[in-house]
Amino acid sequence: FINRLNKAGIKTSKTTQTRILKNE
């Protein structure tokens, strides 16, 4: 999901990536 977001032009921050990966 994060990789597809980056390809779509949305560069997520490390904090956002961590929250997504930790299922928050």
PDBML (XML) file of the C-alpha atoms, coordinates in Angstrom:
<?xml version="1.0" encoding="UTF-8" ?>
<PDBx:datablock datablockName="MODEL"
   xmlns:PDBx="http://pdbml.pdb.org/schema/pdbx-v50.xsd"
   xmlns:xsi="http://www.w3.org/2001/XMLSchema-instance"
   xsi:schemaLocation="http://pdbml.pdb.org/schema/pdbx-v50.xsd pdbx-v50.xsd">
   <PDBx:atom_siteCategory>
      <PDBx:atom_site id="1">
         <PDBx:B_iso_or_equiv>0.00</PDBx:B_iso_or_equiv>
         <PDBx:Cartn_x>0.000</PDBx:Cartn_x>
         <PDBx:Cartn_y>0.000</PDBx:Cartn_y>
         <PDBx:Cartn_z>0.000</PDBx:Cartn_z>
         <PDBx:auth_asym_id>A</PDBx:auth_asym_id>
         <PDBx:auth_atom_id>CA</PDBx:auth_atom_id>
         <PDBx:auth_comp_id>PHE</PDBx:auth_comp_id>
         <PDBx:auth_seq_id>1</PDBx:auth_seq_id>
         <PDBx:group_PDB>ATOM</PDBx:group_PDB>
         <PDBx:label_alt_id xsi:nil="true" />
         <PDBx:label_asym_id>A</PDBx:label_asym_id>
         <PDBx:label_atom_id>CA</PDBx:label_atom_id>
         <PDBx:label_comp_id>PHE</PDBx:label_comp_id>
         <PDBx:label_entity_id>1</PDBx:label_entity_id>
         <PDBx:label_seq_id>1</PDBx:label_seq_id>
         <PDBx:occupancy>1.00</PDBx:occupancy>
         <PDBx:pdbx_PDB_model_num>1</PDBx:pdbx_PDB_model_num>
         <PDBx:type_symbol>C</PDBx:type_symbol>
      </PDBx:atom_site>
      <PDBx:atom_site id="2">
         <PDBx:B_iso_or_equiv>0.00</PDBx:B_iso_or_equiv>
         <PDBx:Cartn_x>2.796</PDBx:Cartn_x>
         <PDBx:Cartn_y>2.439</PDBx:Cartn_y>
         <PDBx:Cartn_z>0.911</PDBx:Cartn_z>
         <PDBx:auth_asym_id>A</PDBx:auth_asym_id>
         <PDBx:auth_atom_id>CA</PDBx:auth_atom_id>
         <PDBx:auth_comp_id>ILE</PDBx:auth_comp_id>
         <PDBx:auth_seq_id>2</PDBx:auth_seq_id>
         <PDBx:group_PDB>ATOM</PDBx:group_PDB>
         <PDBx:label_alt_id xsi:nil="true" />
         <PDBx:label_asym_id>A</PDBx:label_asym_id>
         <PDBx:label_atom_id>CA</PDBx:label_atom_id>
         <PDBx:label_comp_id>ILE</PDBx:label_comp_id>
         <PDBx:label_entity_id>1</PDBx:label_entity_id>
         <PDBx:label_seq_id>2</PDBx:label_seq_id>
         <PDBx:occupancy>1.00</PDBx:occupancy>
         <PDBx:pdbx_PDB_model_num>1</PDBx:pdbx_PDB_model_num>
         <PDBx:type_symbol>C</PDBx:type_symbol>
      </PDBx:atom_site>
      <PDBx:atom_site id="3">
         <PDBx:B_iso_or_equiv>0.00</PDBx:B_iso_or_equiv>
         <PDBx:Cartn_x>4.709</PDBx:Cartn_x>
         <PDBx:Cartn_y>1.642</PDBx:Cartn_y>
         <PDBx:Cartn_z>-2.292</PDBx:Cartn_z>
         <PDBx:auth_asym_id>A</PDBx:auth_asym_id>
         <PDBx:auth_atom_id>CA</PDBx:auth_atom_id>
         <PDBx:auth_comp_id>ASN</PDBx:auth_comp_id>
         <PDBx:auth_seq_id>3</PDBx:auth_seq_id>
         <PDBx:group_PDB>ATOM</PDBx:group_PDB>
         <PDBx:label_alt_id xsi:nil="true" />
         <PDBx:label_asym_id>A</PDBx:label_asym_id>
         <PDBx:label_atom_id>CA</PDBx:label_atom_id>
         <PDBx:label_comp_id>ASN</PDBx:label_comp_id>
         <PDBx:label_entity_id>1</PDBx:label_entity_id>
         <PDBx:label_seq_id>3</PDBx:label_seq_id>
         <PDBx:occupancy>1.00</PDBx:occupancy>
         <PDBx:pdbx_PDB_model_num>1</PDBx:pdbx_PDB_model_num>
         <PDBx:type_symbol>C</PDBx:type_symbol>
      </PDBx:atom_site>
      <PDBx:atom_site id="4">
         <PDBx:B_iso_or_equiv>0.00</PDBx:B_iso_or_equiv>
         <PDBx:Cartn_x>1.623</PDBx:Cartn_x>
         <PDBx:Cartn_y>2.212</PDBx:Cartn_y>
         <PDBx:Cartn_z>-4.449</PDBx:Cartn_z>
         <PDBx:auth_asym_id>A</PDBx:auth_asym_id>
         <PDBx:auth_atom_id>CA</PDBx:auth_atom_id>
         <PDBx:auth_comp_id>ARG</PDBx:auth_comp_id>
         <PDBx:auth_seq_id>4</PDBx:auth_seq_id>
         <PDBx:group_PDB>ATOM</PDBx:group_PDB>
         <PDBx:label_alt_id xsi:nil="true" />
         <PDBx:label_asym_id>A</PDBx:label_asym_id>
         <PDBx:label_atom_id>CA</PDBx:label_atom_id>
         <PDBx:label_comp_id>ARG</PDBx:label_comp_id>
         <PDBx:label_entity_id>1</PDBx:label_entity_id>
         <PDBx:label_seq_id>4</PDBx:label_seq_id>
         <PDBx:occupancy>1.00</PDBx:occupancy>
         <PDBx:pdbx_PDB_model_num>1</PDBx:pdbx_PDB_model_num>
         <PDBx:type_symbol>C</PDBx:type_symbol>
      </PDBx:atom_site>
      <PDBx:atom_site id="5">
         <PDBx:B_iso_or_equiv>0.00</PDBx:B_iso_or_equiv>
         <PDBx:Cartn_x>1.010</PDBx:Cartn_x>
         <PDBx:Cartn_y>5.510</PDBx:Cartn_y>
         <PDBx:Cartn_z>-2.696</PDBx:Cartn_z>
         <PDBx:auth_asym_id>A</PDBx:auth_asym_id>
         <PDBx:auth_atom_id>CA</PDBx:auth_atom_id>
         <PDBx:auth_comp_id>LEU</PDBx:auth_comp_id>
         <PDBx:auth_seq_id>5</PDBx:auth_seq_id>
         <PDBx:group_PDB>ATOM</PDBx:group_PDB>
         <PDBx:label_alt_id xsi:nil="true" />
         <PDBx:label_asym_id>A</PDBx:label_asym_id>
         <PDBx:label_atom_id>CA</PDBx:label_atom_id>
         <PDBx:label_comp_id>LEU</PDBx:label_comp_id>
         <PDBx:label_entity_id>1</PDBx:label_entity_id>
         <PDBx:label_seq_id>5</PDBx:label_seq_id>
         <PDBx:occupancy>1.00</PDBx:occupancy>
         <PDBx:pdbx_PDB_model_num>1</PDBx:pdbx_PDB_model_num>
         <PDBx:type_symbol>C</PDBx:type_symbol>
      </PDBx:atom_site>
      <PDBx:atom_site id="6">
         <PDBx:B_iso_or_equiv>0.00</PDBx:B_iso_or_equiv>
         <PDBx:Cartn_x>4.529</PDBx:Cartn_x>
         <PDBx:Cartn_y>6.678</PDBx:Cartn_y>
         <PDBx:Cartn_z>-3.511</PDBx:Cartn_z>
         <PDBx:auth_asym_id>A</PDBx:auth_asym_id>
         <PDBx:auth_atom_id>CA</PDBx:auth_atom_id>
         <PDBx:auth_comp_id>ASN</PDBx:auth_comp_id>
         <PDBx:auth_seq_id>6</PDBx:auth_seq_id>
         <PDBx:group_PDB>ATOM</PDBx:group_PDB>
         <PDBx:label_alt_id xsi:nil="true" />
         <PDBx:label_asym_id>A</PDBx:label_asym_id>
         <PDBx:label_atom_id>CA</PDBx:label_atom_id>
         <PDBx:label_comp_id>ASN</PDBx:label_comp_id>
         <PDBx:label_entity_id>1</PDBx:label_entity_id>
         <PDBx:label_seq_id>6</PDBx:label_seq_id>
         <PDBx:occupancy>1.00</PDBx:occupancy>
         <PDBx:pdbx_PDB_model_num>1</PDBx:pdbx_PDB_model_num>
         <PDBx:type_symbol>C</PDBx:type_symbol>
      </PDBx:atom_site>
      <PDBx:atom_site id="7">
         <PDBx:B_iso_or_equiv>0.00</PDBx:B_iso_or_equiv>
         <PDBx:Cartn_x>4.043</PDBx:Cartn_x>
         <PDBx:Cartn_y>5.741</PDBx:Cartn_y>
         <PDBx:Cartn_z>-7.159</PDBx:Cartn_z>
         <PDBx:auth_asym_id>A</PDBx:auth_asym_id>
         <PDBx:auth_atom_id>CA</PDBx:auth_atom_id>
         <PDBx:auth_comp_id>LYS</PDBx:auth_comp_id>
         <PDBx:auth_seq_id>7</PDBx:auth_seq_id>
         <PDBx:group_PDB>ATOM</PDBx:group_PDB>
         <PDBx:label_alt_id xsi:nil="true" />
         <PDBx:label_asym_id>A</PDBx:label_asym_id>
         <PDBx:label_atom_id>CA</PDBx:label_atom_id>
         <PDBx:label_comp_id>LYS</PDBx:label_comp_id>
         <PDBx:label_entity_id>1</PDBx:label_entity_id>
         <PDBx:label_seq_id>7</PDBx:label_seq_id>
         <PDBx:occupancy>1.00</PDBx:occupancy>
         <PDBx:pdbx_PDB_model_num>1</PDBx:pdbx_PDB_model_num>
         <PDBx:type_symbol>C</PDBx:type_symbol>
      </PDBx:atom_site>
      <PDBx:atom_site id="8">
         <PDBx:B_iso_or_equiv>0.00</PDBx:B_iso_or_equiv>
         <PDBx:Cartn_x>0.790</PDBx:Cartn_x>
         <PDBx:Cartn_y>7.718</PDBx:Cartn_y>
         <PDBx:Cartn_z>-7.161</PDBx:Cartn_z>
         <PDBx:auth_asym_id>A</PDBx:auth_asym_id>
         <PDBx:auth_atom_id>CA</PDBx:auth_atom_id>
         <PDBx:auth_comp_id>ALA</PDBx:auth_comp_id>
         <PDBx:auth_seq_id>8</PDBx:auth_seq_id>
         <PDBx:group_PDB>ATOM</PDBx:group_PDB>
         <PDBx:label_alt_id xsi:nil="true" />
         <PDBx:label_asym_id>A</PDBx:label_asym_id>
         <PDBx:label_atom_id>CA</PDBx:label_atom_id>
         <PDBx:label_comp_id>ALA</PDBx:label_comp_id>
         <PDBx:label_entity_id>1</PDBx:label_entity_id>
         <PDBx:label_seq_id>8</PDBx:label_seq_id>
         <PDBx:occupancy>1.00</PDBx:occupancy>
         <PDBx:pdbx_PDB_model_num>1</PDBx:pdbx_PDB_model_num>
         <PDBx:type_symbol>C</PDBx:type_symbol>
      </PDBx:atom_site>
      <PDBx:atom_site id="9">
         <PDBx:B_iso_or_equiv>0.00</PDBx:B_iso_or_equiv>
         <PDBx:Cartn_x>2.642</PDBx:Cartn_x>
         <PDBx:Cartn_y>10.832</PDBx:Cartn_y>
         <PDBx:Cartn_z>-6.052</PDBx:Cartn_z>
         <PDBx:auth_asym_id>A</PDBx:auth_asym_id>
         <PDBx:auth_atom_id>CA</PDBx:auth_atom_id>
         <PDBx:auth_comp_id>GLY</PDBx:auth_comp_id>
         <PDBx:auth_seq_id>9</PDBx:auth_seq_id>
         <PDBx:group_PDB>ATOM</PDBx:group_PDB>
         <PDBx:label_alt_id xsi:nil="true" />
         <PDBx:label_asym_id>A</PDBx:label_asym_id>
         <PDBx:label_atom_id>CA</PDBx:label_atom_id>
         <PDBx:label_comp_id>GLY</PDBx:label_comp_id>
         <PDBx:label_entity_id>1</PDBx:label_entity_id>
         <PDBx:label_seq_id>9</PDBx:label_seq_id>
         <PDBx:occupancy>1.00</PDBx:occupancy>
         <PDBx:pdbx_PDB_model_num>1</PDBx:pdbx_PDB_model_num>
         <PDBx:type_symbol>C</PDBx:type_symbol>
      </PDBx:atom_site>
      <PDBx:atom_site id="10">
         <PDBx:B_iso_or_equiv>0.00</PDBx:B_iso_or_equiv>
         <PDBx:Cartn_x>2.022</PDBx:Cartn_x>
         <PDBx:Cartn_y>10.724</PDBx:Cartn_y>
         <PDBx:Cartn_z>-2.274</PDBx:Cartn_z>
         <PDBx:auth_asym_id>A</PDBx:auth_asym_id>
         <PDBx:auth_atom_id>CA</PDBx:auth_atom_id>
         <PDBx:auth_comp_id>ILE</PDBx:auth_comp_id>
         <PDBx:auth_seq_id>10</PDBx:auth_seq_id>
         <PDBx:group_PDB>ATOM</PDBx:group_PDB>
         <PDBx:label_alt_id xsi:nil="true" />
         <PDBx:label_asym_id>A</PDBx:label_asym_id>
         <PDBx:label_atom_id>CA</PDBx:label_atom_id>
         <PDBx:label_comp_id>ILE</PDBx:label_comp_id>
         <PDBx:label_entity_id>1</PDBx:label_entity_id>
         <PDBx:label_seq_id>10</PDBx:label_seq_id>
         <PDBx:occupancy>1.00</PDBx:occupancy>
         <PDBx:pdbx_PDB_model_num>1</PDBx:pdbx_PDB_model_num>
         <PDBx:type_symbol>C</PDBx:type_symbol>
      </PDBx:atom_site>
      <PDBx:atom_site id="11">
         <PDBx:B_iso_or_equiv>0.00</PDBx:B_iso_or_equiv>
         <PDBx:Cartn_x>5.341</PDBx:Cartn_x>
         <PDBx:Cartn_y>10.600</PDBx:Cartn_y>
         <PDBx:Cartn_z>-0.442</PDBx:Cartn_z>
         <PDBx:auth_asym_id>A</PDBx:auth_asym_id>
         <PDBx:auth_atom_id>CA</PDBx:auth_atom_id>
         <PDBx:auth_comp_id>LYS</PDBx:auth_comp_id>
         <PDBx:auth_seq_id>11</PDBx:auth_seq_id>
         <PDBx:group_PDB>ATOM</PDBx:group_PDB>
         <PDBx:label_alt_id xsi:nil="true" />
         <PDBx:label_asym_id>A</PDBx:label_asym_id>
         <PDBx:label_atom_id>CA</PDBx:label_atom_id>
         <PDBx:label_comp_id>LYS</PDBx:label_comp_id>
         <PDBx:label_entity_id>1</PDBx:label_entity_id>
         <PDBx:label_seq_id>11</PDBx:label_seq_id>
         <PDBx:occupancy>1.00</PDBx:occupancy>
         <PDBx:pdbx_PDB_model_num>1</PDBx:pdbx_PDB_model_num>
         <PDBx:type_symbol>C</PDBx:type_symbol>
      </PDBx:atom_site>
      <PDBx:atom_site id="12">
         <PDBx:B_iso_or_equiv>0.00</PDBx:B_iso_or_equiv>
         <PDBx:Cartn_x>4.495</PDBx:Cartn_x>
         <PDBx:Cartn_y>9.447</PDBx:Cartn_y>
         <PDBx:Cartn_z>3.065</PDBx:Cartn_z>
         <PDBx:auth_asym_id>A</PDBx:auth_asym_id>
         <PDBx:auth_atom_id>CA</PDBx:auth_atom_id>
         <PDBx:auth_comp_id>THR</PDBx:auth_comp_id>
         <PDBx:auth_seq_id>12</PDBx:auth_seq_id>
         <PDBx:group_PDB>ATOM</PDBx:group_PDB>
         <PDBx:label_alt_id xsi:nil="true" />
         <PDBx:label_asym_id>A</PDBx:label_asym_id>
         <PDBx:label_atom_id>CA</PDBx:label_atom_id>
         <PDBx:label_comp_id>THR</PDBx:label_comp_id>
         <PDBx:label_entity_id>1</PDBx:label_entity_id>
         <PDBx:label_seq_id>12</PDBx:label_seq_id>
         <PDBx:occupancy>1.00</PDBx:occupancy>
         <PDBx:pdbx_PDB_model_num>1</PDBx:pdbx_PDB_model_num>
         <PDBx:type_symbol>C</PDBx:type_symbol>
      </PDBx:atom_site>
      <PDBx:atom_site id="13">
         <PDBx:B_iso_or_equiv>0.00</PDBx:B_iso_or_equiv>
         <PDBx:Cartn_x>6.622</PDBx:Cartn_x>
         <PDBx:Cartn_y>10.509</PDBx:Cartn_y>
         <PDBx:Cartn_z>6.021</PDBx:Cartn_z>
         <PDBx:auth_asym_id>A</PDBx:auth_asym_id>
         <PDBx:auth_atom_id>CA</PDBx:auth_atom_id>
         <PDBx:auth_comp_id>SER</PDBx:auth_comp_id>
         <PDBx:auth_seq_id>13</PDBx:auth_seq_id>
         <PDBx:group_PDB>ATOM</PDBx:group_PDB>
         <PDBx:label_alt_id xsi:nil="true" />
         <PDBx:label_asym_id>A</PDBx:label_asym_id>
         <PDBx:label_atom_id>CA</PDBx:label_atom_id>
         <PDBx:label_comp_id>SER</PDBx:label_comp_id>
         <PDBx:label_entity_id>1</PDBx:label_entity_id>
         <PDBx:label_seq_id>13</PDBx:label_seq_id>
         <PDBx:occupancy>1.00</PDBx:occupancy>
         <PDBx:pdbx_PDB_model_num>1</PDBx:pdbx_PDB_model_num>
         <PDBx:type_symbol>C</PDBx:type_symbol>
      </PDBx:atom_site>
      <PDBx:atom_site id="14">
         <PDBx:B_iso_or_equiv>0.00</PDBx:B_iso_or_equiv>
         <PDBx:Cartn_x>8.424</PDBx:Cartn_x>
         <PDBx:Cartn_y>8.005</PDBx:Cartn_y>
         <PDBx:Cartn_z>8.223</PDBx:Cartn_z>
         <PDBx:auth_asym_id>A</PDBx:auth_asym_id>
         <PDBx:auth_atom_id>CA</PDBx:auth_atom_id>
         <PDBx:auth_comp_id>LYS</PDBx:auth_comp_id>
         <PDBx:auth_seq_id>14</PDBx:auth_seq_id>
         <PDBx:group_PDB>ATOM</PDBx:group_PDB>
         <PDBx:label_alt_id xsi:nil="true" />
         <PDBx:label_asym_id>A</PDBx:label_asym_id>
         <PDBx:label_atom_id>CA</PDBx:label_atom_id>
         <PDBx:label_comp_id>LYS</PDBx:label_comp_id>
         <PDBx:label_entity_id>1</PDBx:label_entity_id>
         <PDBx:label_seq_id>14</PDBx:label_seq_id>
         <PDBx:occupancy>1.00</PDBx:occupancy>
         <PDBx:pdbx_PDB_model_num>1</PDBx:pdbx_PDB_model_num>
         <PDBx:type_symbol>C</PDBx:type_symbol>
      </PDBx:atom_site>
      <PDBx:atom_site id="15">
         <PDBx:B_iso_or_equiv>0.00</PDBx:B_iso_or_equiv>
         <PDBx:Cartn_x>5.968</PDBx:Cartn_x>
         <PDBx:Cartn_y>8.730</PDBx:Cartn_y>
         <PDBx:Cartn_z>11.031</PDBx:Cartn_z>
         <PDBx:auth_asym_id>A</PDBx:auth_asym_id>
         <PDBx:auth_atom_id>CA</PDBx:auth_atom_id>
         <PDBx:auth_comp_id>THR</PDBx:auth_comp_id>
         <PDBx:auth_seq_id>15</PDBx:auth_seq_id>
         <PDBx:group_PDB>ATOM</PDBx:group_PDB>
         <PDBx:label_alt_id xsi:nil="true" />
         <PDBx:label_asym_id>A</PDBx:label_asym_id>
         <PDBx:label_atom_id>CA</PDBx:label_atom_id>
         <PDBx:label_comp_id>THR</PDBx:label_comp_id>
         <PDBx:label_entity_id>1</PDBx:label_entity_id>
         <PDBx:label_seq_id>15</PDBx:label_seq_id>
         <PDBx:occupancy>1.00</PDBx:occupancy>
         <PDBx:pdbx_PDB_model_num>1</PDBx:pdbx_PDB_model_num>
         <PDBx:type_symbol>C</PDBx:type_symbol>
      </PDBx:atom_site>
      <PDBx:atom_site id="16">
         <PDBx:B_iso_or_equiv>0.00</PDBx:B_iso_or_equiv>
         <PDBx:Cartn_x>2.978</PDBx:Cartn_x>
         <PDBx:Cartn_y>7.992</PDBx:Cartn_y>
         <PDBx:Cartn_z>8.777</PDBx:Cartn_z>
         <PDBx:auth_asym_id>A</PDBx:auth_asym_id>
         <PDBx:auth_atom_id>CA</PDBx:auth_atom_id>
         <PDBx:auth_comp_id>THR</PDBx:auth_comp_id>
         <PDBx:auth_seq_id>16</PDBx:auth_seq_id>
         <PDBx:group_PDB>ATOM</PDBx:group_PDB>
         <PDBx:label_alt_id xsi:nil="true" />
         <PDBx:label_asym_id>A</PDBx:label_asym_id>
         <PDBx:label_atom_id>CA</PDBx:label_atom_id>
         <PDBx:label_comp_id>THR</PDBx:label_comp_id>
         <PDBx:label_entity_id>1</PDBx:label_entity_id>
         <PDBx:label_seq_id>16</PDBx:label_seq_id>
         <PDBx:occupancy>1.00</PDBx:occupancy>
         <PDBx:pdbx_PDB_model_num>1</PDBx:pdbx_PDB_model_num>
         <PDBx:type_symbol>C</PDBx:type_symbol>
      </PDBx:atom_site>
      <PDBx:atom_site id="17">
         <PDBx:B_iso_or_equiv>0.00</PDBx:B_iso_or_equiv>
         <PDBx:Cartn_x>4.608</PDBx:Cartn_x>
         <PDBx:Cartn_y>4.811</PDBx:Cartn_y>
         <PDBx:Cartn_z>7.457</PDBx:Cartn_z>
         <PDBx:auth_asym_id>A</PDBx:auth_asym_id>
         <PDBx:auth_atom_id>CA</PDBx:auth_atom_id>
         <PDBx:auth_comp_id>GLN</PDBx:auth_comp_id>
         <PDBx:auth_seq_id>17</PDBx:auth_seq_id>
         <PDBx:group_PDB>ATOM</PDBx:group_PDB>
         <PDBx:label_alt_id xsi:nil="true" />
         <PDBx:label_asym_id>A</PDBx:label_asym_id>
         <PDBx:label_atom_id>CA</PDBx:label_atom_id>
         <PDBx:label_comp_id>GLN</PDBx:label_comp_id>
         <PDBx:label_entity_id>1</PDBx:label_entity_id>
         <PDBx:label_seq_id>17</PDBx:label_seq_id>
         <PDBx:occupancy>1.00</PDBx:occupancy>
         <PDBx:pdbx_PDB_model_num>1</PDBx:pdbx_PDB_model_num>
         <PDBx:type_symbol>C</PDBx:type_symbol>
      </PDBx:atom_site>
      <PDBx:atom_site id="18">
         <PDBx:B_iso_or_equiv>0.00</PDBx:B_iso_or_equiv>
         <PDBx:Cartn_x>5.241</PDBx:Cartn_x>
         <PDBx:Cartn_y>3.620</PDBx:Cartn_y>
         <PDBx:Cartn_z>10.995</PDBx:Cartn_z>
         <PDBx:auth_asym_id>A</PDBx:auth_asym_id>
         <PDBx:auth_atom_id>CA</PDBx:auth_atom_id>
         <PDBx:auth_comp_id>THR</PDBx:auth_comp_id>
         <PDBx:auth_seq_id>18</PDBx:auth_seq_id>
         <PDBx:group_PDB>ATOM</PDBx:group_PDB>
         <PDBx:label_alt_id xsi:nil="true" />
         <PDBx:label_asym_id>A</PDBx:label_asym_id>
         <PDBx:label_atom_id>CA</PDBx:label_atom_id>
         <PDBx:label_comp_id>THR</PDBx:label_comp_id>
         <PDBx:label_entity_id>1</PDBx:label_entity_id>
         <PDBx:label_seq_id>18</PDBx:label_seq_id>
         <PDBx:occupancy>1.00</PDBx:occupancy>
         <PDBx:pdbx_PDB_model_num>1</PDBx:pdbx_PDB_model_num>
         <PDBx:type_symbol>C</PDBx:type_symbol>
      </PDBx:atom_site>
      <PDBx:atom_site id="19">
         <PDBx:B_iso_or_equiv>0.00</PDBx:B_iso_or_equiv>
         <PDBx:Cartn_x>1.615</PDBx:Cartn_x>
         <PDBx:Cartn_y>4.191</PDBx:Cartn_y>
         <PDBx:Cartn_z>11.992</PDBx:Cartn_z>
         <PDBx:auth_asym_id>A</PDBx:auth_asym_id>
         <PDBx:auth_atom_id>CA</PDBx:auth_atom_id>
         <PDBx:auth_comp_id>ARG</PDBx:auth_comp_id>
         <PDBx:auth_seq_id>19</PDBx:auth_seq_id>
         <PDBx:group_PDB>ATOM</PDBx:group_PDB>
         <PDBx:label_alt_id xsi:nil="true" />
         <PDBx:label_asym_id>A</PDBx:label_asym_id>
         <PDBx:label_atom_id>CA</PDBx:label_atom_id>
         <PDBx:label_comp_id>ARG</PDBx:label_comp_id>
         <PDBx:label_entity_id>1</PDBx:label_entity_id>
         <PDBx:label_seq_id>19</PDBx:label_seq_id>
         <PDBx:occupancy>1.00</PDBx:occupancy>
         <PDBx:pdbx_PDB_model_num>1</PDBx:pdbx_PDB_model_num>
         <PDBx:type_symbol>C</PDBx:type_symbol>
      </PDBx:atom_site>
      <PDBx:atom_site id="20">
         <PDBx:B_iso_or_equiv>0.00</PDBx:B_iso_or_equiv>
         <PDBx:Cartn_x>0.376</PDBx:Cartn_x>
         <PDBx:Cartn_y>2.293</PDBx:Cartn_y>
         <PDBx:Cartn_z>8.943</PDBx:Cartn_z>
         <PDBx:auth_asym_id>A</PDBx:auth_asym_id>
         <PDBx:auth_atom_id>CA</PDBx:auth_atom_id>
         <PDBx:auth_comp_id>ILE</PDBx:auth_comp_id>
         <PDBx:auth_seq_id>20</PDBx:auth_seq_id>
         <PDBx:group_PDB>ATOM</PDBx:group_PDB>
         <PDBx:label_alt_id xsi:nil="true" />
         <PDBx:label_asym_id>A</PDBx:label_asym_id>
         <PDBx:label_atom_id>CA</PDBx:label_atom_id>
         <PDBx:label_comp_id>ILE</PDBx:label_comp_id>
         <PDBx:label_entity_id>1</PDBx:label_entity_id>
         <PDBx:label_seq_id>20</PDBx:label_seq_id>
         <PDBx:occupancy>1.00</PDBx:occupancy>
         <PDBx:pdbx_PDB_model_num>1</PDBx:pdbx_PDB_model_num>
         <PDBx:type_symbol>C</PDBx:type_symbol>
      </PDBx:atom_site>
      <PDBx:atom_site id="21">
         <PDBx:B_iso_or_equiv>0.00</PDBx:B_iso_or_equiv>
         <PDBx:Cartn_x>2.761</PDBx:Cartn_x>
         <PDBx:Cartn_y>-0.625</PDBx:Cartn_y>
         <PDBx:Cartn_z>9.502</PDBx:Cartn_z>
         <PDBx:auth_asym_id>A</PDBx:auth_asym_id>
         <PDBx:auth_atom_id>CA</PDBx:auth_atom_id>
         <PDBx:auth_comp_id>LEU</PDBx:auth_comp_id>
         <PDBx:auth_seq_id>21</PDBx:auth_seq_id>
         <PDBx:group_PDB>ATOM</PDBx:group_PDB>
         <PDBx:label_alt_id xsi:nil="true" />
         <PDBx:label_asym_id>A</PDBx:label_asym_id>
         <PDBx:label_atom_id>CA</PDBx:label_atom_id>
         <PDBx:label_comp_id>LEU</PDBx:label_comp_id>
         <PDBx:label_entity_id>1</PDBx:label_entity_id>
         <PDBx:label_seq_id>21</PDBx:label_seq_id>
         <PDBx:occupancy>1.00</PDBx:occupancy>
         <PDBx:pdbx_PDB_model_num>1</PDBx:pdbx_PDB_model_num>
         <PDBx:type_symbol>C</PDBx:type_symbol>
      </PDBx:atom_site>
      <PDBx:atom_site id="22">
         <PDBx:B_iso_or_equiv>0.00</PDBx:B_iso_or_equiv>
         <PDBx:Cartn_x>1.921</PDBx:Cartn_x>
         <PDBx:Cartn_y>-0.850</PDBx:Cartn_y>
         <PDBx:Cartn_z>13.189</PDBx:Cartn_z>
         <PDBx:auth_asym_id>A</PDBx:auth_asym_id>
         <PDBx:auth_atom_id>CA</PDBx:auth_atom_id>
         <PDBx:auth_comp_id>LYS</PDBx:auth_comp_id>
         <PDBx:auth_seq_id>22</PDBx:auth_seq_id>
         <PDBx:group_PDB>ATOM</PDBx:group_PDB>
         <PDBx:label_alt_id xsi:nil="true" />
         <PDBx:label_asym_id>A</PDBx:label_asym_id>
         <PDBx:label_atom_id>CA</PDBx:label_atom_id>
         <PDBx:label_comp_id>LYS</PDBx:label_comp_id>
         <PDBx:label_entity_id>1</PDBx:label_entity_id>
         <PDBx:label_seq_id>22</PDBx:label_seq_id>
         <PDBx:occupancy>1.00</PDBx:occupancy>
         <PDBx:pdbx_PDB_model_num>1</PDBx:pdbx_PDB_model_num>
         <PDBx:type_symbol>C</PDBx:type_symbol>
      </PDBx:atom_site>
      <PDBx:atom_site id="23">
         <PDBx:B_iso_or_equiv>0.00</PDBx:B_iso_or_equiv>
         <PDBx:Cartn_x>-1.801</PDBx:Cartn_x>
         <PDBx:Cartn_y>-1.105</PDBx:Cartn_y>
         <PDBx:Cartn_z>12.435</PDBx:Cartn_z>
         <PDBx:auth_asym_id>A</PDBx:auth_asym_id>
         <PDBx:auth_atom_id>CA</PDBx:auth_atom_id>
         <PDBx:auth_comp_id>ASN</PDBx:auth_comp_id>
         <PDBx:auth_seq_id>23</PDBx:auth_seq_id>
         <PDBx:group_PDB>ATOM</PDBx:group_PDB>
         <PDBx:label_alt_id xsi:nil="true" />
         <PDBx:label_asym_id>A</PDBx:label_asym_id>
         <PDBx:label_atom_id>CA</PDBx:label_atom_id>
         <PDBx:label_comp_id>ASN</PDBx:label_comp_id>
         <PDBx:label_entity_id>1</PDBx:label_entity_id>
         <PDBx:label_seq_id>23</PDBx:label_seq_id>
         <PDBx:occupancy>1.00</PDBx:occupancy>
         <PDBx:pdbx_PDB_model_num>1</PDBx:pdbx_PDB_model_num>
         <PDBx:type_symbol>C</PDBx:type_symbol>
      </PDBx:atom_site>
      <PDBx:atom_site id="24">
         <PDBx:B_iso_or_equiv>0.00</PDBx:B_iso_or_equiv>
         <PDBx:Cartn_x>-2.843</PDBx:Cartn_x>
         <PDBx:Cartn_y>1.970</PDBx:Cartn_y>
         <PDBx:Cartn_z>14.428</PDBx:Cartn_z>
         <PDBx:auth_asym_id>A</PDBx:auth_asym_id>
         <PDBx:auth_atom_id>CA</PDBx:auth_atom_id>
         <PDBx:auth_comp_id>GLU</PDBx:auth_comp_id>
         <PDBx:auth_seq_id>24</PDBx:auth_seq_id>
         <PDBx:group_PDB>ATOM</PDBx:group_PDB>
         <PDBx:label_alt_id xsi:nil="true" />
         <PDBx:label_asym_id>A</PDBx:label_asym_id>
         <PDBx:label_atom_id>CA</PDBx:label_atom_id>
         <PDBx:label_comp_id>GLU</PDBx:label_comp_id>
         <PDBx:label_entity_id>1</PDBx:label_entity_id>
         <PDBx:label_seq_id>24</PDBx:label_seq_id>
         <PDBx:occupancy>1.00</PDBx:occupancy>
         <PDBx:pdbx_PDB_model_num>1</PDBx:pdbx_PDB_model_num>
         <PDBx:type_symbol>C</PDBx:type_symbol>
      </PDBx:atom_site>
   </PDBx:atom_siteCategory>
</PDBx:datablock>
